[in-house]
C-alpha cells in the first residue's frame, strides 16, 4: 500500500506538518513560514504541504487549531476544578509562565501578526482563542453563580475580557516584563476585594446588592 493510500501514514505526515508549522512559527516567525521551511522542520517533502493542506495558509490555520486544542486539553481538568476568582487568576499566572517557557506565547504573537493580513489565519486564530474563552466562561459561570456579584456581571462578556487581557499581557511582557508583573499583581489584588465581598454576611451582601442595583444603568 502506498503512503498516499495508507490512512495511518497519511495522518502521521499531517501531524508532522502541523508540528513543523508550529515549530517554524516559534523559531523563525510568520515571515519565514514557507512551505520549504515548514517541510524541513517536519522532515518531509515540500510537496506534501500542498498535497495534504492545499496551501501554506491552510496549513498554518490547521496548525493553529491543532496547537490550541492540545494546550486546552492539557489544562481542561485543572480549569474544571477552579471555584474562585483567586483560583482563576492563580491558574492564569501559572499558565502564563508555562506557556512562555514552552514557546507558545511566541507562536500566539506570530499568529496574531499574520492574522492582520491573512483572513484564513485570522479566522483560525479567533477559533483557537474561542476554545480558551469557552473554558474560561465555564469557570466564570460557576464562580459567579455563588457570588453576590453574579447578578451584576455577564460571564460571556467577562470571559472575553479575561481572555483578551491575558493575551495582551502575554504579548506585552516582551517589551515590559516589569509592567506585566505589576498588572498581574493588580489583578490578584482585585481578586482579594471580590473575595472580601463574597465573605460578607447575608445582611452585608444584601446591602451590597441593593447598592449595586441602584447604580446599575
Protein backbone atom coordinates (compact mmCIF):
# COMPACT_ATOMS: atom_id res chain seq x y z
CA UNK A 1 0.00 0.00 0.00
CA UNK A 2 1.42 3.43 -0.95
CA UNK A 3 1.86 6.17 1.64
CA UNK A 4 -0.84 8.22 -0.09
CA UNK A 5 -3.35 5.40 0.39
CA UNK A 6 -2.27 4.42 3.90
CA UNK A 7 -4.53 6.32 6.35
CA UNK A 8 -2.15 5.84 9.27
CA UNK A 9 0.85 7.04 7.26
CA UNK A 10 -1.15 9.97 5.90
CA UNK A 11 -2.23 11.03 9.40
CA UNK A 12 1.34 10.73 10.63
CA UNK A 13 2.51 13.04 7.84
CA UNK A 14 -0.26 15.55 8.53
CA UNK A 15 0.69 15.63 12.20
CA UNK A 16 4.36 16.13 11.32
CA UNK A 17 3.38 19.07 9.13
CA UNK A 18 1.26 20.60 11.89
CA UNK A 19 4.10 20.29 14.38
CA UNK A 20 6.57 21.56 11.79
CA UNK A 21 4.42 24.62 11.17
CA UNK A 22 4.24 25.41 14.89
CA UNK A 23 7.98 24.91 15.26
CA UNK A 24 8.64 27.23 12.32
CA UNK A 25 6.43 29.93 13.82
CA UNK A 26 8.24 29.63 17.16
CA UNK A 27 11.77 29.59 15.83
CA UNK A 28 11.57 31.67 12.63
CA UNK A 29 8.36 33.71 12.76
CA UNK A 30 5.43 34.14 10.39
CA UNK A 31 7.58 35.79 7.70
CA UNK A 32 9.63 32.60 7.35
CA UNK A 33 6.67 30.21 7.43
CA UNK A 34 7.15 28.97 3.87
CA UNK A 35 6.37 25.52 2.52
CA UNK A 36 10.09 24.80 2.29
CA UNK A 37 10.87 25.80 5.88
CA UNK A 38 7.84 24.04 7.32
CA UNK A 39 8.61 20.85 5.39
CA UNK A 40 12.22 20.99 6.58
CA UNK A 41 11.08 21.37 10.19
CA UNK A 42 8.67 18.47 9.73
CA UNK A 43 11.26 16.29 7.98
CA UNK A 44 9.07 15.64 4.93
CA UNK A 45 8.97 16.55 1.26
CA UNK A 46 7.82 20.10 0.50
CA UNK A 47 5.19 18.85 -1.96
CA UNK A 48 3.33 17.19 0.92
CA UNK A 49 2.35 20.61 2.30
CA UNK A 50 0.18 21.18 -0.75
CA UNK A 51 -0.92 17.56 -1.07
CA UNK A 52 -2.33 17.45 2.46
CA UNK A 53 -3.36 21.07 3.07
CA UNK A 54 -3.62 22.82 -0.28
CA UNK A 55 -1.70 25.93 0.76
CA UNK A 56 0.63 27.25 3.43
CA UNK A 57 -2.14 29.47 4.80
CA UNK A 58 -4.46 26.48 5.23
CA UNK A 59 -1.67 24.52 6.94
CA UNK A 60 -0.97 27.40 9.33
CA UNK A 61 -4.70 27.68 10.11
CA UNK A 62 -4.87 23.94 10.84
CA UNK A 63 -1.71 24.17 12.96
CA UNK A 64 -3.29 26.98 14.98
CA UNK A 65 -6.32 24.81 15.78
CA UNK A 66 -4.15 21.76 16.43
CA UNK A 67 -1.86 23.60 18.83
CA UNK A 68 -4.69 25.26 20.73
CA UNK A 69 -6.64 22.03 21.12
CA UNK A 70 -3.55 20.40 22.59
CA UNK A 71 -2.98 23.22 25.07
CA UNK A 72 -6.64 23.47 26.15
CA UNK A 73 -6.83 19.70 26.61
CA UNK A 74 -3.76 19.86 28.85
CA UNK A 75 -5.44 22.36 31.21
CA UNK A 76 -9.12 21.38 30.96
CA UNK A 77 -9.18 19.23 34.10
CA UNK A 78 -7.45 21.97 36.11
CA UNK A 79 -9.93 24.58 34.87
CA UNK A 80 -12.85 22.34 35.84
CA UNK A 81 -11.67 22.40 39.45
CA UNK A 82 -11.42 26.18 39.84
CA UNK A 83 -14.03 27.55 42.26
CA UNK A 84 -12.99 31.19 42.81
CA UNK A 85 -11.67 34.30 41.09
CA UNK A 86 -8.46 33.92 43.05
CA UNK A 87 -8.12 30.38 41.74
CA UNK A 88 -8.68 31.54 38.16
CA UNK A 89 -6.05 34.26 38.44
CA UNK A 90 -3.57 31.88 40.08
CA UNK A 91 -4.14 29.47 37.21
CA UNK A 92 -3.67 32.28 34.69
CA UNK A 93 -0.32 33.27 36.18
CA UNK A 94 0.90 29.67 36.26
CA UNK A 95 -0.25 29.02 32.71
CA UNK A 96 1.39 32.24 31.54
CA UNK A 97 4.76 31.09 32.88
CA UNK A 98 4.47 27.60 31.45
CA UNK A 99 3.28 28.73 28.02
CA UNK A 100 6.00 31.37 27.76
CA UNK A 101 8.74 28.89 28.65
CA UNK A 102 7.37 26.36 26.15
CA UNK A 103 7.38 28.95 23.35
CA UNK A 104 3.61 29.03 22.87
CA UNK A 105 3.37 32.74 23.64
CA UNK A 106 5.74 33.37 20.74
CA UNK A 107 3.52 31.28 18.46
CA UNK A 108 0.46 33.27 19.52
CA UNK A 109 2.25 36.52 18.75
CA UNK A 110 3.18 35.31 15.27
CA UNK A 111 -0.34 34.07 14.57
CA UNK A 112 -1.85 37.39 15.65
CA UNK A 113 0.64 39.24 13.46
CA UNK A 114 -0.18 37.11 10.44
CA UNK A 115 -3.91 37.32 11.10
CA UNK A 116 -3.86 41.06 10.40
CA UNK A 117 -3.41 40.43 6.66
CA UNK A 118 -4.47 36.79 6.15
CA UNK A 119 -8.24 36.23 6.57
CA UNK A 120 -7.99 32.44 6.82
CA UNK A 121 -5.37 32.69 9.53
CA UNK A 122 -7.45 35.34 11.31
CA UNK A 123 -10.46 33.03 11.39
CA UNK A 124 -8.38 30.12 12.66
CA UNK A 125 -6.69 32.24 15.33
CA UNK A 126 -10.06 33.53 16.50
CA UNK A 127 -11.39 29.97 16.63
CA UNK A 128 -8.37 28.90 18.66
CA UNK A 129 -8.83 31.72 21.15
CA UNK A 130 -12.52 30.82 21.34
CA UNK A 131 -11.54 27.41 22.73
CA UNK A 132 -9.82 29.14 25.64
CA UNK A 133 -12.66 31.60 26.13
CA UNK A 134 -15.20 28.77 26.24
CA UNK A 135 -13.32 27.15 29.12
CA UNK A 136 -12.93 30.47 30.97
CA UNK A 137 -16.64 31.15 30.52
CA UNK A 138 -17.47 27.84 32.22
CA UNK A 139 -15.30 28.80 35.20
CA UNK A 140 -16.80 32.28 35.49
CA UNK A 141 -20.37 30.99 35.21
CA UNK A 142 -19.67 28.52 38.01
CA UNK A 143 -17.89 31.06 40.22
CA UNK A 144 -20.39 33.89 39.69
CA UNK A 145 -23.40 31.70 40.38
CA UNK A 146 -22.33 31.53 44.02
CA UNK A 147 -21.25 35.16 44.29
CA UNK A 148 -23.31 38.20 45.36
CA UNK A 149 -21.79 39.89 42.31
CA UNK A 150 -23.16 37.30 39.91
CA UNK A 151 -26.37 39.23 39.29
CA UNK A 152 -24.40 42.20 38.00
CA UNK A 153 -21.91 40.53 35.69
CA UNK A 154 -22.04 38.93 32.26
CA UNK A 155 -19.97 35.70 32.21
CA UNK A 156 -19.87 35.62 28.41
CA UNK A 157 -18.55 39.15 28.04
CA UNK A 158 -16.30 38.83 31.06
CA UNK A 159 -14.74 35.65 29.68
CA UNK A 160 -13.79 37.52 26.52
CA UNK A 161 -12.40 40.40 28.56
CA UNK A 162 -10.31 38.00 30.65
CA UNK A 163 -9.10 36.16 27.54
CA UNK A 164 -8.17 39.41 25.78
CA UNK A 165 -6.40 40.67 28.91
CA UNK A 166 -4.21 37.60 29.22
CA UNK A 167 -3.40 37.59 25.50
CA UNK A 168 -2.40 41.23 25.78
CA UNK A 169 -0.29 40.64 28.87
CA UNK A 170 1.49 37.69 27.28
CA UNK A 171 2.48 39.83 24.30
CA UNK A 172 3.17 42.96 26.37
CA UNK A 173 5.64 41.11 28.55
CA UNK A 174 8.09 41.03 25.65
CA UNK A 175 8.58 44.79 25.86
CA UNK A 176 7.82 45.49 29.53
CA UNK A 177 8.26 42.50 31.87
CA UNK A 178 8.06 44.67 34.99
CA UNK A 179 4.83 46.27 33.79
CA UNK A 180 3.32 42.85 33.10
CA UNK A 181 4.23 41.65 36.59
CA UNK A 182 2.65 44.74 38.10
CA UNK A 183 -0.53 44.21 36.07
CA UNK A 184 -0.77 40.59 37.26
CA UNK A 185 -0.27 41.71 40.85
CA UNK A 186 -3.06 44.27 40.44
CA UNK A 187 -5.41 41.58 39.19
CA UNK A 188 -4.61 39.49 42.24
CA UNK A 189 -5.40 42.47 44.49
CA UNK A 190 -8.73 42.81 42.70
CA UNK A 191 -9.48 39.16 43.43
CA UNK A 192 -8.89 39.86 47.14
CA UNK A 193 -11.59 42.56 47.02
CA UNK A 194 -14.00 40.19 45.30
CA UNK A 195 -13.30 37.51 47.89
CA UNK A 196 -13.92 40.03 50.68
CA UNK A 197 -17.36 40.83 49.25
CA UNK A 198 -18.17 37.14 48.94
CA UNK A 199 -17.20 36.58 52.59
CA UNK A 200 -19.60 39.20 53.90
CA UNK A 201 -22.55 38.05 55.96
CA UNK A 202 -26.08 37.83 54.49
CA UNK A 203 -27.12 41.32 55.64
CA UNK A 204 -23.98 42.96 54.28
CA UNK A 205 -24.32 41.09 50.99
CA UNK A 206 -27.91 42.26 50.73
CA UNK A 207 -26.76 45.85 51.24
CA UNK A 208 -24.12 45.44 48.52
CA UNK A 209 -26.69 44.09 46.08
CA UNK A 210 -29.06 46.93 46.90
CA UNK A 211 -26.35 49.48 46.29
CA UNK A 212 -25.30 47.89 43.01
CA UNK A 213 -28.90 47.73 41.78
CA UNK A 214 -29.26 51.46 42.44
CA UNK A 215 -26.14 52.29 40.43
CA UNK A 216 -26.77 49.84 37.59
CA UNK A 217 -27.79 51.58 34.31
